Each structure stands twice: as structure tokens, then as C-alpha cells.
């Protein structure tokens, strides 16, 4: 079965950008986003996914597990960067994804991207016209990032998996971590 490493961080921190940079020079590595799996399966936008209730969020997590397993079976010789979230920024507040979901995802390691300059994150999110994101203030994003980092460390520890925290934009550190974990 294909080995998958989780790449986490708040929306707008640069997960997808950095993963695409890495996979551009690593043809045996697939970049899979949780939202793209759901968008295809549910034919919904990321904005639609954000407003769902708790029962629907749990259903979506089961769908992500199923879809990642399917990709692993279709590409058993590849490695996978699973680009997702530990905390969802919903219209009903911040919602932590349960540890049981990550147990089922069976990730080989956890990498969390952080943006020390929250003001820069706010600007990046506002300037990104490709994604439907709610406007969030600095304090909200600081809390969001703190919760996500804490969960990443806690879940990796609980599951006995390695965990790295890397600054957004540090492609060298990300490459080293991915090479080590894959």
C-alpha cells in the first residue's frame, strides 16, 4: 500500500503551493488534498463544505478515508502527500477533526506548516481570489493556527508517528522532512 504523509496547516498557509513544488521534482509522489477528494465525490465547492453541520462533517471525514484508501490501492508504488486540516474553519466556528479519523488515515508522519507572521497570513488569504475563504481577523487566525499545531503534535504522539513543524515557505525544510518520512 502507498505510504502517505500528512501536510497540515491553516487555510492559506501555503500547503498546496509547497506540495506542488515538491511533487514537480518527485514524479513518484502524488499530491492529494482532502478538499479535492470531497469536491469530486460530493460535487461541492469548498465554501459549501465549510457550512455543513457536524453530522455532515463526520460523513465527509469517512469519505476522505475511503477516497485515500482507494488512491493507495490504485497507486500502490507511489508515495502520497495528504494535504488537509486538523481543525476546520466552519461557519459555526473552529471544529477539531477527531483522532479516530487520523487513526484510520494511517499516515506515516505529520508535517505542520506555520506562519509566524499572522498579518502576512491575513493578507495572503485576502489576496487569494482562487479560493472561497471567510475573512478572518488576526486573533482568530492565531487561535486557529495554535489549535492546529497542538492537535498535530498530540495526534502524532498518540499514534506513534513522527511530527515536524516547518515555517511556511521553507521549501528546503519541507523537502528534507518529506524525504525522511517517505
N, C-alpha and C. Protein backbone atom coordinates (compact mmCIF):
# COMPACT_ATOMS: atom_id res chain seq x y z
N UNK A 1 0.84 -1.18 0.00
CA UNK A 1 0.00 0.00 0.00
C UNK A 1 0.89 1.24 0.00
N UNK A 2 0.44 2.27 -0.69
CA UNK A 2 1.20 3.52 -0.79
C UNK A 2 1.29 4.20 0.57
N UNK A 3 2.47 4.72 0.86
CA UNK A 3 2.70 5.45 2.11
C UNK A 3 2.25 6.90 1.93
N UNK A 4 1.53 7.42 2.92
CA UNK A 4 1.06 8.80 2.86
C UNK A 4 1.57 9.57 4.08
N UNK A 5 1.98 10.80 3.83
CA UNK A 5 2.41 11.72 4.88
C UNK A 5 1.43 12.88 4.90
N UNK A 6 1.00 13.27 6.09
CA UNK A 6 0.06 14.38 6.22
C UNK A 6 0.76 15.72 6.24
N UNK A 7 0.26 16.65 5.45
CA UNK A 7 0.75 18.02 5.42
C UNK A 7 -0.40 18.91 5.89
N UNK A 8 -0.22 19.53 7.04
CA UNK A 8 -1.30 20.27 7.68
C UNK A 8 -0.94 21.72 7.92
N UNK A 9 -1.95 22.52 8.19
CA UNK A 9 -1.79 23.93 8.48
C UNK A 9 -3.10 24.64 8.20
N UNK A 10 -3.19 25.87 8.62
CA UNK A 10 -4.42 26.63 8.42
C UNK A 10 -4.60 26.95 6.94
N UNK A 11 -5.82 27.21 6.56
CA UNK A 11 -6.13 27.56 5.19
C UNK A 11 -5.38 28.84 4.80
N UNK A 12 -4.61 28.76 3.73
CA UNK A 12 -3.87 29.92 3.25
C UNK A 12 -2.41 29.95 3.64
N UNK A 13 -1.95 28.96 4.40
CA UNK A 13 -0.56 28.96 4.86
C UNK A 13 0.42 28.55 3.75
N UNK A 14 -0.09 27.89 2.71
CA UNK A 14 0.78 27.51 1.59
C UNK A 14 1.01 26.02 1.42
N UNK A 15 0.15 25.20 2.01
CA UNK A 15 0.32 23.75 1.91
C UNK A 15 0.32 23.28 0.47
N UNK A 16 -0.69 23.65 -0.28
CA UNK A 16 -0.82 23.17 -1.66
C UNK A 16 0.32 23.69 -2.53
N UNK A 17 0.66 24.95 -2.36
CA UNK A 17 1.76 25.54 -3.13
C UNK A 17 3.06 24.77 -2.89
N UNK A 18 3.38 24.54 -1.62
CA UNK A 18 4.64 23.86 -1.29
C UNK A 18 4.61 22.39 -1.72
N UNK A 19 3.45 21.75 -1.60
CA UNK A 19 3.34 20.35 -2.04
C UNK A 19 3.52 20.25 -3.56
N UNK A 20 2.93 21.19 -4.30
CA UNK A 20 3.10 21.18 -5.77
C UNK A 20 4.55 21.39 -6.15
N UNK A 21 5.24 22.28 -5.45
CA UNK A 21 6.67 22.48 -5.72
C UNK A 21 7.45 21.20 -5.52
N UNK A 22 7.16 20.50 -4.43
CA UNK A 22 7.87 19.26 -4.13
C UNK A 22 7.58 18.20 -5.19
N UNK A 23 6.30 18.00 -5.52
CA UNK A 23 5.94 16.94 -6.46
C UNK A 23 6.39 17.24 -7.88
N UNK A 24 6.67 18.50 -8.20
CA UNK A 24 7.14 18.82 -9.55
C UNK A 24 8.49 18.17 -9.84
N UNK A 25 9.25 17.86 -8.80
CA UNK A 25 10.55 17.20 -9.00
C UNK A 25 10.57 15.79 -8.41
N UNK A 26 9.40 15.28 -8.05
CA UNK A 26 9.30 13.93 -7.49
C UNK A 26 8.13 13.21 -8.17
N UNK A 27 8.36 12.63 -9.35
CA UNK A 27 7.26 12.06 -10.13
C UNK A 27 6.56 10.86 -9.47
N UNK A 28 7.19 10.25 -8.49
CA UNK A 28 6.56 9.10 -7.81
C UNK A 28 5.71 9.53 -6.61
N UNK A 29 5.59 10.84 -6.39
CA UNK A 29 4.83 11.35 -5.25
C UNK A 29 3.57 12.05 -5.76
N UNK A 30 2.44 11.64 -5.21
CA UNK A 30 1.16 12.25 -5.55
C UNK A 30 0.79 13.28 -4.49
N UNK A 31 0.19 14.37 -4.92
CA UNK A 31 -0.32 15.40 -4.00
C UNK A 31 -1.84 15.30 -4.03
N UNK A 32 -2.42 14.98 -2.88
CA UNK A 32 -3.87 14.82 -2.77
C UNK A 32 -4.37 15.75 -1.68
N UNK A 33 -5.37 16.57 -2.01
CA UNK A 33 -5.96 17.44 -0.99
C UNK A 33 -7.28 16.84 -0.52
N UNK A 34 -7.54 16.98 0.75
CA UNK A 34 -8.81 16.48 1.30
C UNK A 34 -9.98 17.16 0.61
N UNK A 35 -9.87 18.46 0.38
CA UNK A 35 -10.99 19.18 -0.24
C UNK A 35 -11.24 18.72 -1.68
N UNK A 36 -10.19 18.40 -2.43
CA UNK A 36 -10.41 17.94 -3.80
C UNK A 36 -11.10 16.58 -3.82
N UNK A 37 -10.77 15.72 -2.85
CA UNK A 37 -11.45 14.43 -2.76
C UNK A 37 -12.94 14.64 -2.51
N UNK A 38 -13.25 15.54 -1.60
CA UNK A 38 -14.66 15.81 -1.28
C UNK A 38 -15.38 16.53 -2.42
N UNK A 39 -14.69 17.48 -3.03
CA UNK A 39 -15.32 18.21 -4.14
C UNK A 39 -15.73 17.26 -5.25
N UNK A 40 -14.86 16.31 -5.57
CA UNK A 40 -15.17 15.34 -6.62
C UNK A 40 -16.29 14.40 -6.19
N UNK A 41 -16.19 13.90 -4.98
CA UNK A 41 -17.17 12.92 -4.51
C UNK A 41 -18.54 13.52 -4.26
N UNK A 42 -18.57 14.73 -3.77
CA UNK A 42 -19.84 15.36 -3.41
C UNK A 42 -20.28 16.42 -4.41
N UNK A 43 -19.42 16.74 -5.37
CA UNK A 43 -19.71 17.79 -6.34
C UNK A 43 -20.11 19.08 -5.64
N UNK A 44 -19.23 19.49 -4.70
CA UNK A 44 -19.47 20.69 -3.90
C UNK A 44 -18.24 21.57 -3.92
N UNK A 45 -18.45 22.85 -3.70
CA UNK A 45 -17.33 23.78 -3.57
C UNK A 45 -16.81 23.72 -2.14
N UNK A 46 -15.58 24.25 -1.92
CA UNK A 46 -15.04 24.29 -0.56
C UNK A 46 -15.89 25.20 0.32
N UNK A 47 -16.50 26.21 -0.25
CA UNK A 47 -17.40 27.07 0.52
C UNK A 47 -18.63 26.30 0.99
N UNK A 48 -19.17 25.44 0.13
CA UNK A 48 -20.30 24.60 0.52
C UNK A 48 -19.91 23.66 1.65
N UNK A 49 -18.70 23.11 1.57
CA UNK A 49 -18.24 22.17 2.60
C UNK A 49 -18.10 22.86 3.95
N UNK A 50 -17.71 24.12 3.95
CA UNK A 50 -17.47 24.86 5.20
C UNK A 50 -18.74 25.07 6.02
N UNK A 51 -19.90 25.15 5.38
CA UNK A 51 -21.13 25.48 6.10
C UNK A 51 -21.89 24.25 6.57
N UNK A 52 -21.40 23.09 6.35
CA UNK A 52 -22.09 21.86 6.73
C UNK A 52 -22.16 21.70 8.24
N UNK A 53 -23.17 20.95 8.67
CA UNK A 53 -23.32 20.69 10.11
C UNK A 53 -22.40 19.55 10.55
N UNK A 54 -22.40 19.29 11.85
CA UNK A 54 -21.47 18.31 12.42
C UNK A 54 -21.66 16.92 11.83
N UNK A 55 -22.89 16.49 11.66
CA UNK A 55 -23.14 15.15 11.10
C UNK A 55 -22.58 15.05 9.68
N UNK A 56 -22.76 16.09 8.89
CA UNK A 56 -22.22 16.09 7.53
C UNK A 56 -20.70 16.14 7.54
N UNK A 57 -20.11 16.88 8.49
CA UNK A 57 -18.65 16.92 8.59
C UNK A 57 -18.09 15.54 8.89
N UNK A 58 -18.74 14.79 9.77
CA UNK A 58 -18.29 13.43 10.09
C UNK A 58 -18.43 12.52 8.88
N UNK A 59 -19.50 12.67 8.15
CA UNK A 59 -19.70 11.89 6.93
C UNK A 59 -18.59 12.21 5.92
N UNK A 60 -18.24 13.49 5.81
CA UNK A 60 -17.16 13.89 4.90
C UNK A 60 -15.83 13.25 5.29
N UNK A 61 -15.56 13.16 6.60
CA UNK A 61 -14.30 12.57 7.04
C UNK A 61 -14.23 11.10 6.65
N UNK A 62 -15.35 10.38 6.78
CA UNK A 62 -15.38 8.97 6.36
C UNK A 62 -15.14 8.85 4.86
N UNK A 63 -15.69 9.79 4.11
CA UNK A 63 -15.49 9.79 2.67
C UNK A 63 -14.01 10.03 2.32
N UNK A 64 -13.36 10.91 3.03
CA UNK A 64 -11.94 11.18 2.80
C UNK A 64 -11.12 9.91 3.08
N UNK A 65 -11.43 9.23 4.16
CA UNK A 65 -10.71 7.99 4.49
C UNK A 65 -10.87 6.98 3.35
N UNK A 66 -12.09 6.80 2.91
CA UNK A 66 -12.37 5.87 1.81
C UNK A 66 -11.61 6.27 0.54
N UNK A 67 -11.66 7.56 0.20
CA UNK A 67 -11.02 8.03 -1.03
C UNK A 67 -9.50 7.89 -0.97
N UNK A 68 -8.90 8.16 0.17
CA UNK A 68 -7.45 7.99 0.30
C UNK A 68 -7.07 6.52 0.18
N UNK A 69 -7.85 5.65 0.79
CA UNK A 69 -7.60 4.20 0.65
C UNK A 69 -7.69 3.76 -0.80
N UNK A 70 -8.64 4.33 -1.52
CA UNK A 70 -8.81 3.99 -2.94
C UNK A 70 -7.59 4.43 -3.75
N UNK A 71 -7.10 5.64 -3.49
CA UNK A 71 -5.91 6.12 -4.19
C UNK A 71 -4.70 5.26 -3.85
N UNK A 72 -4.58 4.88 -2.59
CA UNK A 72 -3.47 3.99 -2.19
C UNK A 72 -3.52 2.68 -2.95
N UNK A 73 -4.70 2.13 -3.14
CA UNK A 73 -4.81 0.85 -3.84
C UNK A 73 -4.59 1.01 -5.35
N UNK A 74 -4.97 2.16 -5.91
CA UNK A 74 -4.78 2.41 -7.34
C UNK A 74 -3.33 2.72 -7.68
N UNK A 75 -2.60 3.30 -6.73
CA UNK A 75 -1.20 3.69 -6.95
C UNK A 75 -0.31 3.13 -5.84
N UNK A 76 -0.22 1.79 -5.74
CA UNK A 76 0.49 1.19 -4.60
C UNK A 76 1.99 1.48 -4.56
N UNK A 77 2.57 1.83 -5.70
CA UNK A 77 4.02 2.09 -5.75
C UNK A 77 4.38 3.56 -5.59
N UNK A 78 3.37 4.39 -5.48
CA UNK A 78 3.62 5.82 -5.30
C UNK A 78 3.63 6.18 -3.82
N UNK A 79 4.11 7.38 -3.55
CA UNK A 79 4.02 7.97 -2.22
C UNK A 79 3.02 9.11 -2.32
N UNK A 80 2.42 9.46 -1.20
CA UNK A 80 1.34 10.44 -1.22
C UNK A 80 1.57 11.53 -0.18
N UNK A 81 1.39 12.78 -0.61
CA UNK A 81 1.28 13.89 0.32
C UNK A 81 -0.20 14.16 0.49
N UNK A 82 -0.69 13.94 1.70
CA UNK A 82 -2.09 14.19 2.02
C UNK A 82 -2.19 15.58 2.63
N UNK A 83 -2.73 16.51 1.87
CA UNK A 83 -2.81 17.93 2.21
C UNK A 83 -4.20 18.19 2.82
N UNK A 84 -4.23 18.44 4.12
CA UNK A 84 -5.52 18.60 4.77
C UNK A 84 -5.47 19.46 6.02
N UNK A 85 -6.50 19.31 6.82
CA UNK A 85 -6.65 20.12 8.03
C UNK A 85 -6.89 19.23 9.24
N UNK A 86 -6.42 19.69 10.36
CA UNK A 86 -6.72 19.06 11.66
C UNK A 86 -7.87 19.79 12.34
N UNK A 87 -8.02 21.05 12.00
CA UNK A 87 -9.08 21.91 12.52
C UNK A 87 -9.77 22.54 11.32
N UNK A 88 -11.08 22.45 11.28
CA UNK A 88 -11.84 23.05 10.20
C UNK A 88 -12.38 24.40 10.63
N UNK A 89 -12.23 25.38 9.76
CA UNK A 89 -12.75 26.72 9.98
C UNK A 89 -14.13 26.77 9.35
N UNK A 90 -15.16 26.50 10.14
CA UNK A 90 -16.52 26.44 9.62
C UNK A 90 -17.27 27.72 9.94
N UNK A 91 -18.43 27.86 9.36
CA UNK A 91 -19.29 29.00 9.68
C UNK A 91 -19.83 28.90 11.10
N UNK A 92 -19.63 27.75 11.74
CA UNK A 92 -20.07 27.52 13.12
C UNK A 92 -18.90 27.52 14.09
N UNK A 93 -17.75 28.01 13.65
CA UNK A 93 -16.56 28.07 14.50
C UNK A 93 -15.51 27.04 14.12
N UNK A 94 -14.47 26.97 14.92
CA UNK A 94 -13.37 26.02 14.69
C UNK A 94 -13.79 24.65 15.19
N UNK A 95 -13.65 23.64 14.33
CA UNK A 95 -14.04 22.28 14.67
C UNK A 95 -12.83 21.36 14.50
N UNK A 96 -12.40 20.74 15.58
CA UNK A 96 -11.29 19.79 15.52
C UNK A 96 -11.78 18.48 14.90
N UNK A 97 -10.97 17.92 14.03
CA UNK A 97 -11.26 16.60 13.48
C UNK A 97 -10.78 15.58 14.51
N UNK A 98 -11.57 14.57 14.75
CA UNK A 98 -11.30 13.60 15.80
C UNK A 98 -10.07 12.74 15.49
N UNK A 99 -9.39 12.33 16.54
CA UNK A 99 -8.23 11.45 16.42
C UNK A 99 -8.56 10.17 15.67
N UNK A 100 -9.76 9.65 15.86
CA UNK A 100 -10.16 8.39 15.20
C UNK A 100 -10.05 8.49 13.68
N UNK A 101 -10.29 9.66 13.13
CA UNK A 101 -10.16 9.85 11.67
C UNK A 101 -8.71 9.66 11.25
N UNK A 102 -7.79 10.22 12.00
CA UNK A 102 -6.37 10.12 11.64
C UNK A 102 -5.83 8.72 11.90
N UNK A 103 -6.40 8.03 12.86
CA UNK A 103 -6.03 6.63 13.07
C UNK A 103 -6.37 5.83 11.81
N UNK A 104 -7.56 6.08 11.25
CA UNK A 104 -8.00 5.37 10.04
C UNK A 104 -7.21 5.81 8.80
N UNK A 105 -6.79 7.07 8.75
CA UNK A 105 -5.99 7.53 7.60
C UNK A 105 -4.63 6.86 7.56
N UNK A 106 -4.12 6.46 8.73
CA UNK A 106 -2.86 5.73 8.85
C UNK A 106 -1.71 6.44 8.12
N UNK A 107 -1.47 7.68 8.51
CA UNK A 107 -0.40 8.47 7.91
C UNK A 107 0.95 8.08 8.52
N UNK A 108 1.99 8.08 7.69
CA UNK A 108 3.33 7.69 8.14
C UNK A 108 3.98 8.78 8.98
N UNK A 109 3.55 10.01 8.82
CA UNK A 109 4.10 11.13 9.57
C UNK A 109 3.23 12.35 9.41
N UNK A 110 3.52 13.33 10.24
CA UNK A 110 2.72 14.56 10.28
C UNK A 110 3.65 15.76 10.14
N UNK A 111 3.35 16.61 9.16
CA UNK A 111 4.10 17.85 8.98
C UNK A 111 3.10 19.00 9.10
N UNK A 112 3.45 19.98 9.93
CA UNK A 112 2.57 21.14 10.10
C UNK A 112 3.31 22.38 9.63
N UNK A 113 2.72 23.10 8.69
CA UNK A 113 3.26 24.38 8.24
C UNK A 113 2.72 25.49 9.13
N UNK A 114 3.61 26.38 9.55
CA UNK A 114 3.19 27.50 10.39
C UNK A 114 3.61 28.81 9.74
N UNK A 115 2.82 29.82 9.98
CA UNK A 115 3.13 31.18 9.54
C UNK A 115 3.30 32.03 10.79
N UNK A 116 4.57 32.34 11.15
CA UNK A 116 4.80 33.15 12.35
C UNK A 116 4.20 34.56 12.25
N UNK A 117 4.12 35.09 11.04
CA UNK A 117 3.59 36.42 10.82
C UNK A 117 2.11 36.30 10.43
N UNK A 118 1.24 36.33 11.42
CA UNK A 118 -0.19 36.14 11.17
C UNK A 118 -0.75 37.24 10.26
N UNK A 119 -0.22 38.45 10.38
CA UNK A 119 -0.67 39.53 9.50
C UNK A 119 -0.41 39.18 8.03
N UNK A 120 0.72 38.54 7.76
CA UNK A 120 1.03 38.11 6.39
C UNK A 120 0.03 37.05 5.93
N UNK A 121 -0.37 36.17 6.83
CA UNK A 121 -1.37 35.16 6.51
C UNK A 121 -2.71 35.80 6.16
N UNK A 122 -3.09 36.81 6.94
CA UNK A 122 -4.34 37.53 6.65
C UNK A 122 -4.29 38.13 5.25
N UNK A 123 -3.19 38.80 4.92
CA UNK A 123 -3.04 39.41 3.60
C UNK A 123 -3.07 38.36 2.49
N UNK A 124 -2.36 37.25 2.70
CA UNK A 124 -2.31 36.19 1.68
C UNK A 124 -3.72 35.64 1.44
N UNK A 125 -4.47 35.43 2.48
CA UNK A 125 -5.83 34.91 2.35
C UNK A 125 -6.73 35.91 1.62
N UNK A 126 -6.58 37.21 1.95
CA UNK A 126 -7.40 38.23 1.30
C UNK A 126 -7.07 38.37 -0.19
N UNK A 127 -5.79 38.20 -0.52
CA UNK A 127 -5.35 38.36 -1.91
C UNK A 127 -5.58 37.13 -2.78
N UNK A 128 -5.86 36.00 -2.19
CA UNK A 128 -6.08 34.75 -2.94
C UNK A 128 -7.52 34.72 -3.43
N UNK A 129 -7.71 35.04 -4.69
CA UNK A 129 -9.06 35.09 -5.26
C UNK A 129 -9.51 33.73 -5.80
N UNK A 130 -8.61 32.73 -5.78
CA UNK A 130 -8.94 31.41 -6.30
C UNK A 130 -9.76 30.59 -5.32
N UNK A 131 -9.71 30.94 -4.05
CA UNK A 131 -10.38 30.14 -3.03
C UNK A 131 -11.45 30.95 -2.33
N UNK A 132 -12.51 30.26 -1.97
CA UNK A 132 -13.61 30.87 -1.22
C UNK A 132 -13.33 30.68 0.27
N UNK A 133 -12.78 31.73 0.89
CA UNK A 133 -12.46 31.67 2.31
C UNK A 133 -13.16 32.81 3.03
N UNK A 134 -13.59 32.56 4.26
CA UNK A 134 -14.15 33.67 5.03
C UNK A 134 -13.05 34.64 5.45
N UNK A 135 -13.40 35.89 5.61
CA UNK A 135 -12.46 36.89 6.10
C UNK A 135 -12.32 36.68 7.60
N UNK A 136 -11.08 36.51 8.04
CA UNK A 136 -10.81 36.29 9.46
C UNK A 136 -9.79 37.30 9.96
N UNK A 137 -9.96 37.73 11.19
CA UNK A 137 -9.05 38.68 11.80
C UNK A 137 -7.83 37.97 12.38
N UNK A 138 -6.81 38.75 12.70
CA UNK A 138 -5.53 38.23 13.18
C UNK A 138 -5.71 37.30 14.38
N UNK A 139 -6.46 37.72 15.39
CA UNK A 139 -6.61 36.90 16.60
C UNK A 139 -7.28 35.57 16.31
N UNK A 140 -8.26 35.59 15.43
CA UNK A 140 -8.94 34.34 15.07
C UNK A 140 -7.97 33.38 14.40
N UNK A 141 -7.19 33.89 13.45
CA UNK A 141 -6.23 33.03 12.74
C UNK A 141 -5.12 32.57 13.67
N UNK A 142 -4.73 33.39 14.63
CA UNK A 142 -3.73 32.98 15.62
C UNK A 142 -4.27 31.80 16.44
N UNK A 143 -5.52 31.88 16.87
CA UNK A 143 -6.14 30.79 17.63
C UNK A 143 -6.26 29.53 16.76
N UNK A 144 -6.68 29.71 15.52
CA UNK A 144 -6.84 28.61 14.56
C UNK A 144 -5.50 27.89 14.39
N UNK A 145 -4.43 28.65 14.16
CA UNK A 145 -3.12 28.05 13.96
C UNK A 145 -2.63 27.36 15.24
N UNK A 146 -2.82 27.97 16.38
CA UNK A 146 -2.40 27.37 17.65
C UNK A 146 -3.10 26.04 17.90
N UNK A 147 -4.40 26.00 17.67
CA UNK A 147 -5.15 24.75 17.85
C UNK A 147 -4.67 23.67 16.88
N UNK A 148 -4.41 24.07 15.65
CA UNK A 148 -3.97 23.11 14.64
C UNK A 148 -2.59 22.53 14.98
N UNK A 149 -1.68 23.39 15.40
CA UNK A 149 -0.34 22.93 15.79
C UNK A 149 -0.43 21.97 16.96
N UNK A 150 -1.21 22.32 17.96
CA UNK A 150 -1.35 21.46 19.15
C UNK A 150 -1.92 20.09 18.78
N UNK A 151 -2.95 20.08 17.94
CA UNK A 151 -3.53 18.80 17.53
C UNK A 151 -2.54 17.97 16.73
N UNK A 152 -1.77 18.61 15.87
CA UNK A 152 -0.78 17.89 15.08
C UNK A 152 0.21 17.16 15.99
N UNK A 153 0.70 17.87 16.97
CA UNK A 153 1.65 17.27 17.92
C UNK A 153 0.98 16.17 18.75
N UNK A 154 -0.21 16.46 19.25
CA UNK A 154 -0.92 15.48 20.08
C UNK A 154 -1.27 14.21 19.31
N UNK A 155 -1.78 14.38 18.09
CA UNK A 155 -2.19 13.21 17.30
C UNK A 155 -0.99 12.38 16.88
N UNK A 156 0.09 13.03 16.45
CA UNK A 156 1.29 12.29 16.06
C UNK A 156 1.81 11.49 17.26
N UNK A 157 1.84 12.11 18.42
CA UNK A 157 2.30 11.43 19.63
C UNK A 157 1.38 10.25 19.97
N UNK A 158 0.07 10.48 19.95
CA UNK A 158 -0.89 9.43 20.29
C UNK A 158 -0.81 8.25 19.32
N UNK A 159 -0.47 8.52 18.08
CA UNK A 159 -0.41 7.46 17.06
C UNK A 159 1.00 6.91 16.86
N UNK A 160 1.96 7.45 17.61
CA UNK A 160 3.33 6.97 17.49
C UNK A 160 3.98 7.28 16.16
N UNK A 161 3.66 8.45 15.63
CA UNK A 161 4.19 8.85 14.33
C UNK A 161 5.10 10.07 14.50
N UNK A 162 6.09 10.22 13.63
CA UNK A 162 6.94 11.41 13.70
C UNK A 162 6.17 12.66 13.29
N UNK A 163 6.62 13.79 13.84
CA UNK A 163 5.96 15.06 13.55
C UNK A 163 7.02 16.14 13.38
N UNK A 164 6.84 16.97 12.37
CA UNK A 164 7.72 18.11 12.09
C UNK A 164 6.87 19.36 12.00
N UNK A 165 7.39 20.48 12.49
CA UNK A 165 6.76 21.78 12.31
C UNK A 165 7.71 22.61 11.47
N UNK A 166 7.20 23.16 10.37
CA UNK A 166 8.03 23.86 9.39
C UNK A 166 7.40 25.22 9.07
N UNK A 167 8.24 26.22 8.93
CA UNK A 167 7.75 27.55 8.57
C UNK A 167 7.25 27.55 7.12
N UNK A 168 6.14 28.21 6.91
CA UNK A 168 5.59 28.36 5.57
C UNK A 168 6.64 28.99 4.66
N UNK A 169 6.79 28.43 3.49
CA UNK A 169 7.75 28.95 2.52
C UNK A 169 9.12 28.31 2.60
N UNK A 170 9.41 27.54 3.64
CA UNK A 170 10.72 26.89 3.78
C UNK A 170 10.70 25.58 3.02
N UNK A 171 10.86 25.68 1.70
CA UNK A 171 10.79 24.50 0.83
C UNK A 171 11.91 23.51 1.11
N UNK A 172 13.07 23.99 1.49
CA UNK A 172 14.17 23.07 1.80
C UNK A 172 13.83 22.20 3.00
N UNK A 173 13.32 22.81 4.06
CA UNK A 173 12.94 22.04 5.26
C UNK A 173 11.82 21.05 4.94
N UNK A 174 10.86 21.48 4.12
CA UNK A 174 9.77 20.58 3.75
C UNK A 174 10.31 19.40 2.94
N UNK A 175 11.18 19.67 2.00
CA UNK A 175 11.76 18.59 1.18
C UNK A 175 12.51 17.59 2.05
N UNK A 176 13.30 18.08 2.98
CA UNK A 176 14.03 17.19 3.88
C UNK A 176 13.08 16.34 4.72
N UNK A 177 12.05 16.96 5.26
CA UNK A 177 11.10 16.23 6.09
C UNK A 177 10.35 15.18 5.28
N UNK A 178 9.88 15.54 4.09
CA UNK A 178 9.17 14.58 3.25
C UNK A 178 10.07 13.43 2.83
N UNK A 179 11.30 13.75 2.45
CA UNK A 179 12.25 12.69 2.06
C UNK A 179 12.48 11.71 3.22
N UNK A 180 12.56 12.24 4.42
CA UNK A 180 12.80 11.40 5.60
C UNK A 180 11.57 10.55 5.94
N UNK A 181 10.40 11.13 5.85
CA UNK A 181 9.17 10.43 6.25
C UNK A 181 8.67 9.46 5.19
N UNK A 182 9.04 9.68 3.95
CA UNK A 182 8.56 8.80 2.88
C UNK A 182 9.57 7.71 2.63
